[in-house]
C-alpha cells in the first residue's frame, strides 16, 4: 500500500485547510520576514523543487480550483525520498520564525484528482467520511 506524506501547518487557513510547508515558507518570503541568508535558501530551494518535479496545475489548471476540487492539497508519495529528504531545511526556516509545521502520513488522504511519479493532489475526505 502506498503511503503519502505531507508537511503542513497546524492552523487552518482562511480557506479552511492546513497550508503546506511550501505555502508557509512562501508566506514568510512574501511578507519580507526572511533574512538575506534565509531568503537565499528559500529561493534556491524553491527553484530546486520547481525543477525536480511537475507542477500539477501546469498539466491541469483546474486541479486547485476551489469549486471543482475544494480544499485540494498536494501530498508526496513516500517513495519520493529525494524530495522529502530536503524538507527539513524548510522546517528549520519555519521554526526559526515560530511557524509550527507537522508531518502527516496517510494511506488514503482523500479523493485523488492528480497523480504523477512523486505526488498526488487530493480533495480531503469530509469530516463525516471514513478514511
C-alpha atoms as a PDB file:
ATOM      1  CA  UNK A   1       0.000   0.000   0.000  1.00  0.00           C
ATOM      2  CA  UNK A   2       1.301   3.430  -0.925  1.00  0.00           C
ATOM      3  CA  UNK A   3       1.725   5.848   1.925  1.00  0.00           C
ATOM      4  CA  UNK A   4       1.544   9.567   1.382  1.00  0.00           C
ATOM      5  CA  UNK A   5       3.405  12.261   3.318  1.00  0.00           C
ATOM      6  CA  UNK A   6       2.504  15.900   3.827  1.00  0.00           C
ATOM      7  CA  UNK A   7       4.151  18.669   5.831  1.00  0.00           C
ATOM      8  CA  UNK A   8       1.588  21.235   6.907  1.00  0.00           C
ATOM      9  CA  UNK A   9       0.847  23.983   9.371  1.00  0.00           C
ATOM     10  CA  UNK A  10      -1.208  23.401  12.482  1.00  0.00           C
ATOM     11  CA  UNK A  11      -3.658  26.251  11.947  1.00  0.00           C
ATOM     12  CA  UNK A  12      -6.292  26.287   9.230  1.00  0.00           C
ATOM     13  CA  UNK A  13      -6.041  28.989   6.580  1.00  0.00           C
ATOM     14  CA  UNK A  14      -8.983  31.288   5.845  1.00  0.00           C
ATOM     15  CA  UNK A  15      -9.917  28.817   3.069  1.00  0.00           C
ATOM     16  CA  UNK A  16     -10.279  26.089   5.702  1.00  0.00           C
ATOM     17  CA  UNK A  17      -7.314  23.832   5.002  1.00  0.00           C
ATOM     18  CA  UNK A  18      -3.901  23.441   6.615  1.00  0.00           C
ATOM     19  CA  UNK A  19      -1.304  25.210   4.440  1.00  0.00           C
ATOM     20  CA  UNK A  20       1.598  23.099   3.274  1.00  0.00           C
ATOM     21  CA  UNK A  21       5.250  23.659   4.077  1.00  0.00           C
ATOM     22  CA  UNK A  22       5.929  25.491   0.820  1.00  0.00           C
ATOM     23  CA  UNK A  23       2.959  27.843   1.225  1.00  0.00           C
ATOM     24  CA  UNK A  24       4.079  28.635   4.770  1.00  0.00           C
ATOM     25  CA  UNK A  25       7.641  29.415   3.680  1.00  0.00           C
ATOM     26  CA  UNK A  26       6.391  31.391   0.688  1.00  0.00           C
ATOM     27  CA  UNK A  27       4.266  33.458   3.075  1.00  0.00           C
ATOM     28  CA  UNK A  28       7.326  34.370   5.139  1.00  0.00           C
ATOM     29  CA  UNK A  29       9.161  35.436   1.988  1.00  0.00           C
ATOM     30  CA  UNK A  30       6.163  37.370   0.643  1.00  0.00           C
ATOM     31  CA  UNK A  31       5.833  39.209   3.965  1.00  0.00           C
ATOM     32  CA  UNK A  32       9.518  40.186   3.901  1.00  0.00           C
ATOM     33  CA  UNK A  33      10.275  38.302   7.122  1.00  0.00           C
ATOM     34  CA  UNK A  34      13.344  36.399   5.882  1.00  0.00           C
ATOM     35  CA  UNK A  35      16.936  37.459   6.436  1.00  0.00           C
ATOM     36  CA  UNK A  36      19.161  37.660   3.381  1.00  0.00           C
ATOM     37  CA  UNK A  37      20.566  34.176   4.064  1.00  0.00           C
ATOM     38  CA  UNK A  38      17.104  32.719   4.686  1.00  0.00           C
ATOM     39  CA  UNK A  39      15.821  34.324   1.509  1.00  0.00           C
ATOM     40  CA  UNK A  40      18.698  32.804  -0.477  1.00  0.00           C
ATOM     41  CA  UNK A  41      17.943  29.365   0.985  1.00  0.00           C
ATOM     42  CA  UNK A  42      14.220  29.752   0.231  1.00  0.00           C
ATOM     43  CA  UNK A  43      14.762  30.961  -3.347  1.00  0.00           C
ATOM     44  CA  UNK A  44      17.370  28.291  -4.184  1.00  0.00           C
ATOM     45  CA  UNK A  45      15.266  25.545  -2.583  1.00  0.00           C
ATOM     46  CA  UNK A  46      12.081  26.604  -4.349  1.00  0.00           C
ATOM     47  CA  UNK A  47      13.982  26.686  -7.645  1.00  0.00           C
ATOM     48  CA  UNK A  48      15.328  23.180  -6.958  1.00  0.00           C
ATOM     49  CA  UNK A  49      11.842  21.835  -6.208  1.00  0.00           C
ATOM     50  CA  UNK A  50      10.389  23.585  -9.263  1.00  0.00           C
ATOM     51  CA  UNK A  51      12.935  21.754 -11.421  1.00  0.00           C
ATOM     52  CA  UNK A  52      12.695  18.421  -9.571  1.00  0.00           C
ATOM     53  CA  UNK A  53       9.042  17.581 -10.118  1.00  0.00           C
ATOM     54  CA  UNK A  54       5.976  18.642 -12.114  1.00  0.00           C
ATOM     55  CA  UNK A  55       3.636  21.442 -11.125  1.00  0.00           C
ATOM     56  CA  UNK A  56       0.187  19.788 -11.059  1.00  0.00           C
ATOM     57  CA  UNK A  57      -1.558  22.971 -12.178  1.00  0.00           C
ATOM     58  CA  UNK A  58       0.619  23.163 -15.306  1.00  0.00           C
ATOM     59  CA  UNK A  59      -0.923  19.932 -16.569  1.00  0.00           C
ATOM     60  CA  UNK A  60      -4.386  20.595 -15.167  1.00  0.00           C
ATOM     61  CA  UNK A  61      -5.190  24.253 -14.456  1.00  0.00           C
ATOM     62  CA  UNK A  62      -8.299  23.219 -12.508  1.00  0.00           C
ATOM     63  CA  UNK A  63      -6.552  20.905 -10.061  1.00  0.00           C
ATOM     64  CA  UNK A  64      -6.598  23.514  -7.274  1.00  0.00           C
ATOM     65  CA  UNK A  65      -9.872  25.149  -8.356  1.00  0.00           C
ATOM     66  CA  UNK A  66     -11.856  25.708  -5.131  1.00  0.00           C
ATOM     67  CA  UNK A  67     -15.169  24.915  -6.846  1.00  0.00           C
ATOM     68  CA  UNK A  68     -14.071  21.826  -8.791  1.00  0.00           C
ATOM     69  CA  UNK A  69     -11.729  20.470  -6.111  1.00  0.00           C
ATOM     70  CA  UNK A  70     -12.483  22.176  -2.784  1.00  0.00           C
ATOM     71  CA  UNK A  71      -9.580  22.057  -0.361  1.00  0.00           C
ATOM     72  CA  UNK A  72      -7.253  20.263  -2.792  1.00  0.00           C
ATOM     73  CA  UNK A  73      -3.761  19.792  -1.373  1.00  0.00           C
ATOM     74  CA  UNK A  74      -0.597  18.009  -2.502  1.00  0.00           C
ATOM     75  CA  UNK A  75       0.999  15.034  -0.766  1.00  0.00           C
ATOM     76  CA  UNK A  76       4.359  13.433  -1.529  1.00  0.00           C
ATOM     77  CA  UNK A  77       4.416   9.745  -2.274  1.00  0.00           C
ATOM     78  CA  UNK A  78       6.539   8.134   0.440  1.00  0.00           C
ATOM     79  CA  UNK A  79       8.799   6.769  -2.305  1.00  0.00           C
ATOM     80  CA  UNK A  80       9.828  10.328  -3.283  1.00  0.00           C
ATOM     81  CA  UNK A  81      12.733  10.279  -0.822  1.00  0.00           C
ATOM     82  CA  UNK A  82      14.807  12.764  -2.845  1.00  0.00           C
ATOM     83  CA  UNK A  83      12.032  15.337  -2.329  1.00  0.00           C
ATOM     84  CA  UNK A  84      11.143  14.510   1.270  1.00  0.00           C
ATOM     85  CA  UNK A  85      14.795  14.498   2.360  1.00  0.00           C
ATOM     86  CA  UNK A  86      15.123  18.218   1.517  1.00  0.00           C
ATOM     87  CA  UNK A  87      12.091  19.350   3.556  1.00  0.00           C
ATOM     88  CA  UNK A  88      13.962  19.683   6.909  1.00  0.00           C
ATOM     89  CA  UNK A  89      15.568  22.903   5.658  1.00  0.00           C
ATOM     90  CA  UNK A  90      12.108  24.389   5.263  1.00  0.00           C
ATOM     91  CA  UNK A  91      11.082  23.071   8.679  1.00  0.00           C
ATOM     92  CA  UNK A  92      14.095  24.792  10.258  1.00  0.00           C
ATOM     93  CA  UNK A  93      13.231  28.029   8.447  1.00  0.00           C
ATOM     94  CA  UNK A  94       9.653  27.889   9.728  1.00  0.00           C
ATOM     95  CA  UNK A  95      10.759  27.002  13.270  1.00  0.00           C
ATOM     96  CA  UNK A  96      13.121  29.984  13.310  1.00  0.00           C
ATOM     97  CA  UNK A  97      10.067  32.182  12.741  1.00  0.00           C
ATOM     98  CA  UNK A  98       7.798  30.384  15.201  1.00  0.00           C
ATOM     99  CA  UNK A  99       5.642  28.800  12.496  1.00  0.00           C
ATOM    100  CA  UNK A 100       4.637  25.284  13.574  1.00  0.00           C
ATOM    101  CA  UNK A 101       4.626  22.577  10.926  1.00  0.00           C
ATOM    102  CA  UNK A 102       3.920  18.865  11.316  1.00  0.00           C
ATOM    103  CA  UNK A 103       4.485  15.740   9.251  1.00  0.00           C
ATOM    104  CA  UNK A 104       1.290  13.847   8.434  1.00  0.00           C
ATOM    105  CA  UNK A 105       1.115  10.400   6.838  1.00  0.00           C
ATOM    106  CA  UNK A 106      -1.871   8.617   5.369  1.00  0.00           C
ATOM    107  CA  UNK A 107      -2.602   5.652   3.148  1.00  0.00           C
ATOM    108  CA  UNK A 108      -5.764   7.403   1.902  1.00  0.00           C
ATOM    109  CA  UNK A 109      -5.622  11.191   2.363  1.00  0.00           C
ATOM    110  CA  UNK A 110      -8.574  11.930   0.081  1.00  0.00           C
ATOM    111  CA  UNK A 111     -10.000  11.677  -3.418  1.00  0.00           C
ATOM    112  CA  UNK A 112      -7.082  11.808  -5.853  1.00  0.00           C
ATOM    113  CA  UNK A 113      -7.546  14.472  -8.524  1.00  0.00           C
ATOM    114  CA  UNK A 114      -3.965  14.427  -9.840  1.00  0.00           C
ATOM    115  CA  UNK A 115      -1.105  11.936  -9.684  1.00  0.00           C
ATOM    116  CA  UNK A 116       2.417  11.645 -11.037  1.00  0.00           C
ATOM    117  CA  UNK A 117       5.508   9.646 -10.042  1.00  0.00           C
ATOM    118  CA  UNK A 118       6.208  11.590  -6.845  1.00  0.00           C
ATOM    119  CA  UNK A 119       2.985  13.198  -5.644  1.00  0.00           C
ATOM    120  CA  UNK A 120      -0.773  13.255  -5.552  1.00  0.00           C
ATOM    121  CA  UNK A 121      -3.205  16.119  -5.181  1.00  0.00           C
ATOM    122  CA  UNK A 122      -6.275  15.154  -3.215  1.00  0.00           C
ATOM    123  CA  UNK A 123      -9.542  16.610  -2.101  1.00  0.00           C
ATOM    124  CA  UNK A 124      -9.533  15.644   1.585  1.00  0.00           C
ATOM    125  CA  UNK A 125     -12.269  13.397   2.874  1.00  0.00           C
ATOM    126  CA  UNK A 126     -15.047  15.252   4.675  1.00  0.00           C
ATOM    127  CA  UNK A 127     -15.291  15.065   8.473  1.00  0.00           C
ATOM    128  CA  UNK A 128     -18.201  12.607   8.217  1.00  0.00           C
ATOM    129  CA  UNK A 129     -16.434  10.225   5.856  1.00  0.00           C
ATOM    130  CA  UNK A 130     -14.178   7.384   6.938  1.00  0.00           C
ATOM    131  CA  UNK A 131     -10.684   7.108   5.513  1.00  0.00           C
END
